[in-house]
Amino acid sequence: MNAVALRPAVPADSEFCFQLHKAAMGDYVEAIWGWDDEAQRAYHERGFEPERWQVITVDGADAGTLVVDFRETEVYLGRIELHPDYQGRGIGARLIRSLIDAAARRGRHLVLDVLAINTRAHAFYQRHGFREVSRHGESNRKIRMRFITGGPASEDRPAV
């Protein structure tokens, strides 16, 4: 089994995170909006906040990104992306289980949005106990999913 860990992102990770997003999500972005490298880079630069992002490492190599917001009423998974070279190896499942546990310790629901076109991710979340609660965005392009948990509040960072 691979050693999976999380490390805080730093400003120097911006290019890695952009290239990762392009590799992991580029086909979906292309299918919906069309991939415009300049526009996507500007969007990334506006949204990249290293203090909120974590880099997923696998056996010491940078392999993905994770953004989780611990809100008053829910734990929101804003982003989980793995480079395609690391997909299908159980890494995402380990991270999701850890986030489910972290949400349960806080007594919160774990919530996320997935692009409707990303049927692979949608099926992945369903297999892990998430249920669709709504659709939103232009032409209902996004599916809001929720894993319902309960329990006492605890730590803010998921353990891998």
N, C-alpha and C. Protein backbone atom coordinates (compact mmCIF):
# COMPACT_ATOMS: atom_id res chain seq x y z
N MET A 1 0.85 -1.19 0.00
CA MET A 1 0.00 0.00 0.00
C MET A 1 0.89 1.24 0.00
N ASN A 2 0.47 2.22 -0.76
CA ASN A 2 1.23 3.46 -0.86
C ASN A 2 1.12 4.30 0.41
N ALA A 3 2.19 5.04 0.71
CA ALA A 3 2.18 5.98 1.83
C ALA A 3 1.55 7.28 1.33
N VAL A 4 0.37 7.58 1.84
CA VAL A 4 -0.37 8.79 1.44
C VAL A 4 -0.31 9.77 2.60
N ALA A 5 0.02 11.02 2.29
CA ALA A 5 0.10 12.06 3.32
C ALA A 5 -0.40 13.37 2.74
N LEU A 6 -0.61 14.32 3.62
CA LEU A 6 -1.00 15.68 3.24
C LEU A 6 0.05 16.63 3.76
N ARG A 7 0.37 17.63 2.95
CA ARG A 7 1.26 18.68 3.41
C ARG A 7 0.63 20.02 3.04
N PRO A 8 0.89 21.05 3.84
CA PRO A 8 0.34 22.36 3.50
C PRO A 8 0.92 22.85 2.18
N ALA A 9 0.07 23.44 1.37
CA ALA A 9 0.55 24.03 0.12
C ALA A 9 1.33 25.30 0.44
N VAL A 10 2.25 25.65 -0.43
CA VAL A 10 3.02 26.89 -0.33
C VAL A 10 2.89 27.62 -1.66
N PRO A 11 3.18 28.92 -1.70
CA PRO A 11 3.04 29.66 -2.95
C PRO A 11 3.74 29.00 -4.15
N ALA A 12 4.87 28.35 -3.91
CA ALA A 12 5.61 27.71 -5.00
C ALA A 12 4.86 26.52 -5.61
N ASP A 13 3.78 26.06 -4.96
CA ASP A 13 2.99 24.95 -5.49
C ASP A 13 1.97 25.38 -6.53
N SER A 14 1.85 26.67 -6.78
CA SER A 14 0.82 27.16 -7.69
C SER A 14 0.88 26.50 -9.07
N GLU A 15 2.04 26.44 -9.66
CA GLU A 15 2.15 25.86 -11.00
C GLU A 15 1.82 24.37 -10.98
N PHE A 16 2.30 23.65 -9.97
CA PHE A 16 1.95 22.24 -9.84
C PHE A 16 0.42 22.08 -9.78
N CYS A 17 -0.23 22.90 -8.95
CA CYS A 17 -1.68 22.80 -8.77
C CYS A 17 -2.42 23.11 -10.07
N PHE A 18 -1.93 24.10 -10.81
CA PHE A 18 -2.55 24.43 -12.10
C PHE A 18 -2.40 23.27 -13.08
N GLN A 19 -1.20 22.74 -13.22
CA GLN A 19 -0.97 21.64 -14.15
C GLN A 19 -1.74 20.38 -13.74
N LEU A 20 -1.84 20.16 -12.44
CA LEU A 20 -2.62 19.03 -11.94
C LEU A 20 -4.08 19.19 -12.32
N HIS A 21 -4.63 20.38 -12.12
CA HIS A 21 -6.02 20.64 -12.46
C HIS A 21 -6.25 20.39 -13.96
N LYS A 22 -5.33 20.83 -14.76
CA LYS A 22 -5.43 20.63 -16.21
C LYS A 22 -5.43 19.14 -16.54
N ALA A 23 -4.55 18.37 -15.89
CA ALA A 23 -4.47 16.93 -16.16
C ALA A 23 -5.70 16.19 -15.64
N ALA A 24 -6.17 16.56 -14.44
CA ALA A 24 -7.25 15.83 -13.80
C ALA A 24 -8.63 16.26 -14.30
N MET A 25 -8.80 17.55 -14.58
CA MET A 25 -10.13 18.08 -14.88
C MET A 25 -10.25 18.72 -16.26
N GLY A 26 -9.15 18.81 -16.97
CA GLY A 26 -9.14 19.51 -18.26
C GLY A 26 -10.17 19.02 -19.25
N ASP A 27 -10.35 17.70 -19.35
CA ASP A 27 -11.33 17.17 -20.31
C ASP A 27 -12.74 17.61 -19.97
N TYR A 28 -13.06 17.67 -18.68
CA TYR A 28 -14.41 18.10 -18.27
C TYR A 28 -14.61 19.59 -18.52
N VAL A 29 -13.59 20.37 -18.18
CA VAL A 29 -13.66 21.81 -18.42
C VAL A 29 -13.81 22.06 -19.92
N GLU A 30 -13.02 21.35 -20.70
CA GLU A 30 -13.09 21.48 -22.17
C GLU A 30 -14.48 21.16 -22.69
N ALA A 31 -15.08 20.09 -22.20
CA ALA A 31 -16.40 19.67 -22.67
C ALA A 31 -17.49 20.67 -22.32
N ILE A 32 -17.36 21.34 -21.18
CA ILE A 32 -18.41 22.27 -20.74
C ILE A 32 -18.17 23.68 -21.27
N TRP A 33 -16.99 24.20 -21.00
CA TRP A 33 -16.73 25.61 -21.29
C TRP A 33 -15.71 25.82 -22.41
N GLY A 34 -14.97 24.78 -22.75
CA GLY A 34 -13.84 24.93 -23.65
C GLY A 34 -12.63 25.34 -22.81
N TRP A 35 -11.50 24.69 -23.04
CA TRP A 35 -10.30 25.02 -22.26
C TRP A 35 -9.59 26.19 -22.90
N ASP A 36 -9.53 27.28 -22.20
CA ASP A 36 -8.75 28.45 -22.61
C ASP A 36 -7.65 28.58 -21.57
N ASP A 37 -6.42 28.26 -21.96
CA ASP A 37 -5.32 28.19 -21.01
C ASP A 37 -5.16 29.49 -20.23
N GLU A 38 -5.25 30.61 -20.92
CA GLU A 38 -5.08 31.91 -20.27
C GLU A 38 -6.19 32.17 -19.26
N ALA A 39 -7.42 31.90 -19.66
CA ALA A 39 -8.56 32.12 -18.76
C ALA A 39 -8.49 31.16 -17.56
N GLN A 40 -8.13 29.91 -17.82
CA GLN A 40 -8.03 28.95 -16.73
C GLN A 40 -6.90 29.32 -15.76
N ARG A 41 -5.80 29.80 -16.29
CA ARG A 41 -4.69 30.22 -15.43
C ARG A 41 -5.11 31.40 -14.56
N ALA A 42 -5.83 32.35 -15.14
CA ALA A 42 -6.31 33.51 -14.37
C ALA A 42 -7.29 33.06 -13.29
N TYR A 43 -8.18 32.12 -13.63
CA TYR A 43 -9.13 31.59 -12.66
C TYR A 43 -8.38 30.89 -11.51
N HIS A 44 -7.37 30.11 -11.87
CA HIS A 44 -6.56 29.43 -10.85
C HIS A 44 -5.87 30.44 -9.94
N GLU A 45 -5.27 31.45 -10.52
CA GLU A 45 -4.54 32.44 -9.72
C GLU A 45 -5.45 33.17 -8.76
N ARG A 46 -6.71 33.42 -9.17
CA ARG A 46 -7.67 34.07 -8.27
C ARG A 46 -8.07 33.14 -7.13
N GLY A 47 -8.12 31.84 -7.38
CA GLY A 47 -8.63 30.91 -6.38
C GLY A 47 -7.57 30.19 -5.55
N PHE A 48 -6.31 30.26 -5.97
CA PHE A 48 -5.26 29.53 -5.25
C PHE A 48 -4.88 30.28 -3.99
N GLU A 49 -5.24 29.69 -2.85
CA GLU A 49 -4.92 30.25 -1.54
C GLU A 49 -4.13 29.18 -0.80
N PRO A 50 -2.78 29.27 -0.86
CA PRO A 50 -1.96 28.20 -0.26
C PRO A 50 -2.31 27.89 1.19
N GLU A 51 -2.75 28.89 1.94
CA GLU A 51 -3.06 28.64 3.35
C GLU A 51 -4.29 27.75 3.53
N ARG A 52 -5.09 27.59 2.49
CA ARG A 52 -6.29 26.75 2.56
C ARG A 52 -6.10 25.42 1.84
N TRP A 53 -5.08 25.31 1.01
CA TRP A 53 -4.88 24.12 0.19
C TRP A 53 -3.89 23.18 0.84
N GLN A 54 -4.06 21.91 0.53
CA GLN A 54 -3.09 20.89 0.93
C GLN A 54 -2.67 20.12 -0.33
N VAL A 55 -1.44 19.67 -0.32
CA VAL A 55 -0.94 18.84 -1.41
C VAL A 55 -0.96 17.39 -0.92
N ILE A 56 -1.54 16.53 -1.74
CA ILE A 56 -1.58 15.10 -1.45
C ILE A 56 -0.27 14.51 -1.97
N THR A 57 0.44 13.80 -1.10
CA THR A 57 1.66 13.13 -1.53
C THR A 57 1.47 11.62 -1.46
N VAL A 58 2.10 10.94 -2.38
CA VAL A 58 2.07 9.48 -2.43
C VAL A 58 3.52 9.01 -2.49
N ASP A 59 3.92 8.29 -1.48
CA ASP A 59 5.32 7.84 -1.38
C ASP A 59 6.28 9.02 -1.55
N GLY A 60 5.90 10.16 -0.99
CA GLY A 60 6.75 11.35 -1.01
C GLY A 60 6.63 12.22 -2.24
N ALA A 61 5.92 11.77 -3.27
CA ALA A 61 5.77 12.55 -4.51
C ALA A 61 4.45 13.31 -4.49
N ASP A 62 4.46 14.55 -4.97
CA ASP A 62 3.23 15.33 -5.08
C ASP A 62 2.31 14.66 -6.09
N ALA A 63 1.08 14.39 -5.68
CA ALA A 63 0.16 13.63 -6.51
C ALA A 63 -1.22 14.26 -6.66
N GLY A 64 -1.54 15.26 -5.83
CA GLY A 64 -2.88 15.82 -5.90
C GLY A 64 -3.04 17.01 -4.98
N THR A 65 -4.27 17.52 -4.95
CA THR A 65 -4.61 18.65 -4.09
C THR A 65 -5.91 18.36 -3.35
N LEU A 66 -6.01 18.99 -2.19
CA LEU A 66 -7.19 18.85 -1.35
C LEU A 66 -7.50 20.21 -0.73
N VAL A 67 -8.76 20.61 -0.83
CA VAL A 67 -9.22 21.85 -0.20
C VAL A 67 -10.49 21.50 0.57
N VAL A 68 -10.45 21.69 1.88
CA VAL A 68 -11.57 21.37 2.75
C VAL A 68 -11.88 22.59 3.61
N ASP A 69 -13.15 22.97 3.65
CA ASP A 69 -13.59 24.07 4.50
C ASP A 69 -14.39 23.48 5.66
N PHE A 70 -13.90 23.71 6.87
CA PHE A 70 -14.61 23.27 8.07
C PHE A 70 -15.52 24.40 8.50
N ARG A 71 -16.78 24.30 8.08
CA ARG A 71 -17.77 25.35 8.33
C ARG A 71 -18.56 25.06 9.59
N GLU A 72 -19.31 26.05 10.02
CA GLU A 72 -20.08 25.91 11.25
C GLU A 72 -21.09 24.77 11.18
N THR A 73 -21.71 24.59 10.02
CA THR A 73 -22.79 23.61 9.91
C THR A 73 -22.44 22.40 9.06
N GLU A 74 -21.27 22.41 8.39
CA GLU A 74 -20.91 21.30 7.52
C GLU A 74 -19.41 21.31 7.27
N VAL A 75 -18.92 20.21 6.75
CA VAL A 75 -17.55 20.13 6.24
C VAL A 75 -17.70 20.09 4.73
N TYR A 76 -17.13 21.08 4.05
CA TYR A 76 -17.28 21.19 2.60
C TYR A 76 -15.99 20.80 1.90
N LEU A 77 -16.08 19.77 1.07
CA LEU A 77 -14.94 19.34 0.27
C LEU A 77 -14.94 20.17 -1.01
N GLY A 78 -14.12 21.21 -1.02
CA GLY A 78 -14.08 22.13 -2.15
C GLY A 78 -13.32 21.60 -3.34
N ARG A 79 -12.34 20.73 -3.08
CA ARG A 79 -11.54 20.20 -4.18
C ARG A 79 -10.78 18.97 -3.71
N ILE A 80 -10.86 17.95 -4.51
CA ILE A 80 -9.98 16.80 -4.36
C ILE A 80 -9.63 16.38 -5.78
N GLU A 81 -8.37 16.51 -6.10
CA GLU A 81 -7.90 16.16 -7.43
C GLU A 81 -6.63 15.33 -7.30
N LEU A 82 -6.61 14.24 -8.02
CA LEU A 82 -5.42 13.40 -8.11
C LEU A 82 -4.96 13.38 -9.56
N HIS A 83 -3.66 13.43 -9.75
CA HIS A 83 -3.13 13.31 -11.10
C HIS A 83 -3.59 11.95 -11.67
N PRO A 84 -3.93 11.88 -12.94
CA PRO A 84 -4.39 10.61 -13.52
C PRO A 84 -3.45 9.43 -13.26
N ASP A 85 -2.15 9.67 -13.14
CA ASP A 85 -1.21 8.57 -12.84
C ASP A 85 -1.48 7.93 -11.48
N TYR A 86 -2.19 8.65 -10.59
CA TYR A 86 -2.45 8.15 -9.24
C TYR A 86 -3.90 7.74 -9.04
N GLN A 87 -4.73 7.91 -10.05
CA GLN A 87 -6.15 7.56 -9.91
C GLN A 87 -6.33 6.05 -10.02
N GLY A 88 -7.39 5.54 -9.42
CA GLY A 88 -7.72 4.14 -9.50
C GLY A 88 -6.86 3.25 -8.62
N ARG A 89 -6.18 3.84 -7.65
CA ARG A 89 -5.28 3.08 -6.78
C ARG A 89 -5.74 3.08 -5.32
N GLY A 90 -6.97 3.56 -5.07
CA GLY A 90 -7.51 3.57 -3.71
C GLY A 90 -7.12 4.78 -2.89
N ILE A 91 -6.37 5.70 -3.47
CA ILE A 91 -5.90 6.89 -2.74
C ILE A 91 -7.07 7.81 -2.43
N GLY A 92 -7.88 8.10 -3.43
CA GLY A 92 -9.05 8.94 -3.21
C GLY A 92 -10.00 8.34 -2.19
N ALA A 93 -10.17 7.03 -2.24
CA ALA A 93 -11.05 6.35 -1.28
C ALA A 93 -10.53 6.52 0.14
N ARG A 94 -9.23 6.39 0.33
CA ARG A 94 -8.64 6.57 1.66
C ARG A 94 -8.88 8.00 2.16
N LEU A 95 -8.69 8.96 1.28
CA LEU A 95 -8.89 10.36 1.67
C LEU A 95 -10.36 10.64 2.00
N ILE A 96 -11.27 10.11 1.19
CA ILE A 96 -12.70 10.33 1.44
C ILE A 96 -13.10 9.70 2.77
N ARG A 97 -12.64 8.49 3.04
CA ARG A 97 -12.97 7.86 4.33
C ARG A 97 -12.45 8.69 5.49
N SER A 98 -11.26 9.24 5.33
CA SER A 98 -10.69 10.09 6.37
C SER A 98 -11.52 11.35 6.58
N LEU A 99 -11.98 11.94 5.49
CA LEU A 99 -12.83 13.14 5.59
C LEU A 99 -14.18 12.81 6.20
N ILE A 100 -14.74 11.66 5.86
CA ILE A 100 -16.00 11.22 6.47
C ILE A 100 -15.81 11.10 7.98
N ASP A 101 -14.71 10.50 8.39
CA ASP A 101 -14.41 10.37 9.83
C ASP A 101 -14.23 11.73 10.49
N ALA A 102 -13.51 12.64 9.82
CA ALA A 102 -13.29 13.99 10.37
C ALA A 102 -14.61 14.73 10.54
N ALA A 103 -15.50 14.60 9.54
CA ALA A 103 -16.82 15.25 9.63
C ALA A 103 -17.63 14.64 10.77
N ALA A 104 -17.57 13.32 10.91
CA ALA A 104 -18.32 12.65 11.98
C ALA A 104 -17.83 13.10 13.36
N ARG A 105 -16.51 13.24 13.50
CA ARG A 105 -15.98 13.70 14.80
C ARG A 105 -16.48 15.10 15.12
N ARG A 106 -16.74 15.89 14.12
CA ARG A 106 -17.25 17.25 14.32
C ARG A 106 -18.78 17.29 14.42
N GLY A 107 -19.43 16.15 14.15
CA GLY A 107 -20.89 16.11 14.14
C GLY A 107 -21.47 16.89 12.97
N ARG A 108 -20.79 16.86 11.84
CA ARG A 108 -21.21 17.62 10.66
C ARG A 108 -21.44 16.69 9.47
N HIS A 109 -22.19 17.18 8.50
CA HIS A 109 -22.34 16.50 7.22
C HIS A 109 -21.14 16.84 6.36
N LEU A 110 -20.68 15.88 5.57
CA LEU A 110 -19.65 16.13 4.57
C LEU A 110 -20.36 16.40 3.26
N VAL A 111 -20.07 17.56 2.65
CA VAL A 111 -20.77 18.04 1.47
C VAL A 111 -19.75 18.34 0.38
N LEU A 112 -20.16 18.11 -0.87
CA LEU A 112 -19.29 18.43 -2.00
C LEU A 112 -20.15 18.72 -3.22
N ASP A 113 -19.52 19.28 -4.23
CA ASP A 113 -20.14 19.47 -5.54
C ASP A 113 -19.30 18.71 -6.55
N VAL A 114 -19.98 18.08 -7.50
CA VAL A 114 -19.30 17.36 -8.58
C VAL A 114 -19.95 17.78 -9.89
N LEU A 115 -19.15 17.91 -10.93
CA LEU A 115 -19.70 18.23 -12.23
C LEU A 115 -20.54 17.06 -12.72
N ALA A 116 -21.76 17.35 -13.20
CA ALA A 116 -22.65 16.29 -13.66
C ALA A 116 -22.00 15.47 -14.79
N ILE A 117 -21.19 16.10 -15.60
CA ILE A 117 -20.52 15.43 -16.70
C ILE A 117 -19.47 14.43 -16.21
N ASN A 118 -19.01 14.59 -14.98
CA ASN A 118 -17.97 13.72 -14.41
C ASN A 118 -18.63 12.50 -13.77
N THR A 119 -19.13 11.62 -14.62
CA THR A 119 -19.89 10.46 -14.14
C THR A 119 -19.01 9.51 -13.32
N ARG A 120 -17.73 9.45 -13.62
CA ARG A 120 -16.82 8.59 -12.85
C ARG A 120 -16.75 9.05 -11.39
N ALA A 121 -16.57 10.36 -11.19
CA ALA A 121 -16.50 10.90 -9.82
C ALA A 121 -17.85 10.76 -9.13
N HIS A 122 -18.93 11.01 -9.86
CA HIS A 122 -20.27 10.90 -9.28
C HIS A 122 -20.49 9.48 -8.77
N ALA A 123 -20.14 8.48 -9.57
CA ALA A 123 -20.29 7.08 -9.16
C ALA A 123 -19.39 6.75 -7.96
N PHE A 124 -18.17 7.30 -7.96
CA PHE A 124 -17.23 7.11 -6.86
C PHE A 124 -17.85 7.60 -5.55
N TYR A 125 -18.40 8.81 -5.57
CA TYR A 125 -18.99 9.36 -4.35
C TYR A 125 -20.21 8.55 -3.91
N GLN A 126 -21.02 8.11 -4.86
CA GLN A 126 -22.17 7.27 -4.50
C GLN A 126 -21.71 5.97 -3.84
N ARG A 127 -20.67 5.35 -4.37
CA ARG A 127 -20.15 4.11 -3.77
C ARG A 127 -19.69 4.33 -2.33
N HIS A 128 -19.30 5.57 -2.03
CA HIS A 128 -18.82 5.87 -0.68
C HIS A 128 -19.90 6.46 0.22
N GLY A 129 -21.16 6.34 -0.19
CA GLY A 129 -22.26 6.71 0.68
C GLY A 129 -22.81 8.11 0.52
N PHE A 130 -22.33 8.86 -0.47
CA PHE A 130 -22.86 10.20 -0.72
C PHE A 130 -24.16 10.08 -1.50
N ARG A 131 -25.06 11.02 -1.23
CA ARG A 131 -26.34 11.07 -1.94
C ARG A 131 -26.53 12.45 -2.54
N GLU A 132 -27.12 12.48 -3.71
CA GLU A 132 -27.43 13.75 -4.37
C GLU A 132 -28.52 14.46 -3.59
N VAL A 133 -28.29 15.77 -3.32
CA VAL A 133 -29.31 16.54 -2.63
C VAL A 133 -29.87 17.65 -3.50
N SER A 134 -29.11 18.07 -4.52
CA SER A 134 -29.62 19.09 -5.43
C SER A 134 -28.70 19.21 -6.64
N ARG A 135 -29.19 19.94 -7.62
CA ARG A 135 -28.38 20.31 -8.79
C ARG A 135 -28.43 21.82 -8.89
N HIS A 136 -27.32 22.40 -9.33
CA HIS A 136 -27.27 23.85 -9.41
C HIS A 136 -26.27 24.28 -10.47
N GLY A 137 -26.16 25.59 -10.64
CA GLY A 137 -25.29 26.12 -11.67
C GLY A 137 -26.02 26.18 -13.00
N GLU A 138 -25.39 26.82 -13.96
CA GLU A 138 -25.98 26.94 -15.29
C GLU A 138 -26.30 25.56 -15.84
N SER A 139 -27.54 25.36 -16.27
CA SER A 139 -28.02 24.07 -16.81
C SER A 139 -27.82 22.92 -15.82
N ASN A 140 -27.85 23.24 -14.53
CA ASN A 140 -27.67 22.22 -13.49
C ASN A 140 -26.41 21.39 -13.70
N ARG A 141 -25.32 22.06 -14.01
CA ARG A 141 -24.05 21.38 -14.31
C ARG A 141 -23.38 20.78 -13.08
N LYS A 142 -23.78 21.23 -11.91
CA LYS A 142 -23.15 20.73 -10.69
C LYS A 142 -24.17 19.96 -9.85
N ILE A 143 -23.68 18.89 -9.24
CA ILE A 143 -24.50 18.07 -8.36
C ILE A 143 -23.97 18.25 -6.94
N ARG A 144 -24.83 18.68 -6.04
CA ARG A 144 -24.47 18.78 -4.63
C ARG A 144 -24.74 17.41 -4.00
N MET A 145 -23.72 16.89 -3.32
CA MET A 145 -23.84 15.58 -2.69
C MET A 145 -23.51 15.71 -1.21
N ARG A 146 -24.11 14.83 -0.41
CA ARG A 146 -23.92 14.91 1.03
C ARG A 146 -23.77 13.50 1.61
N PHE A 147 -22.81 13.40 2.52
CA PHE A 147 -22.67 12.20 3.35
C PHE A 147 -23.12 12.63 4.73
N ILE A 148 -24.14 11.97 5.24
CA ILE A 148 -24.70 12.39 6.52
C ILE A 148 -23.98 11.66 7.65
N THR A 149 -23.47 12.45 8.59
CA THR A 149 -22.70 11.91 9.71
C THR A 149 -23.28 12.42 11.01
N GLY A 150 -22.75 11.91 12.09
CA GLY A 150 -23.13 12.40 13.41
C GLY A 150 -22.02 12.09 14.39
N GLY A 151 -21.98 12.78 15.50
CA GLY A 151 -20.97 12.52 16.50
C GLY A 151 -20.40 13.80 17.05
N PRO A 152 -19.51 13.68 18.02
CA PRO A 152 -18.94 14.87 18.67
C PRO A 152 -17.95 15.60 17.78
N ALA A 153 -17.82 16.89 17.99
CA ALA A 153 -16.85 17.69 17.24
C ALA A 153 -15.44 17.31 17.68
N SER A 154 -14.51 17.40 16.72
CA SER A 154 -13.11 17.08 17.04
C SER A 154 -12.17 17.87 16.16
N GLU A 155 -11.19 17.18 15.58
CA GLU A 155 -10.09 17.84 14.87
C GLU A 155 -10.54 18.54 13.59
N ASP A 156 -9.69 19.48 13.13
CA ASP A 156 -9.97 20.19 11.89
C ASP A 156 -9.33 19.57 10.67
N ARG A 157 -8.24 18.89 10.82
CA ARG A 157 -7.53 18.33 9.66
C ARG A 157 -7.75 16.82 9.58
N PRO A 158 -8.06 16.32 8.38
CA PRO A 158 -8.21 14.88 8.26
C PRO A 158 -6.85 14.19 8.40
N ALA A 159 -6.87 13.01 8.95
CA ALA A 159 -5.67 12.18 9.03
C ALA A 159 -5.73 11.19 7.87
N VAL A 160 -4.60 10.88 7.30
CA VAL A 160 -4.59 9.95 6.16
C VAL A 160 -4.15 8.59 6.63
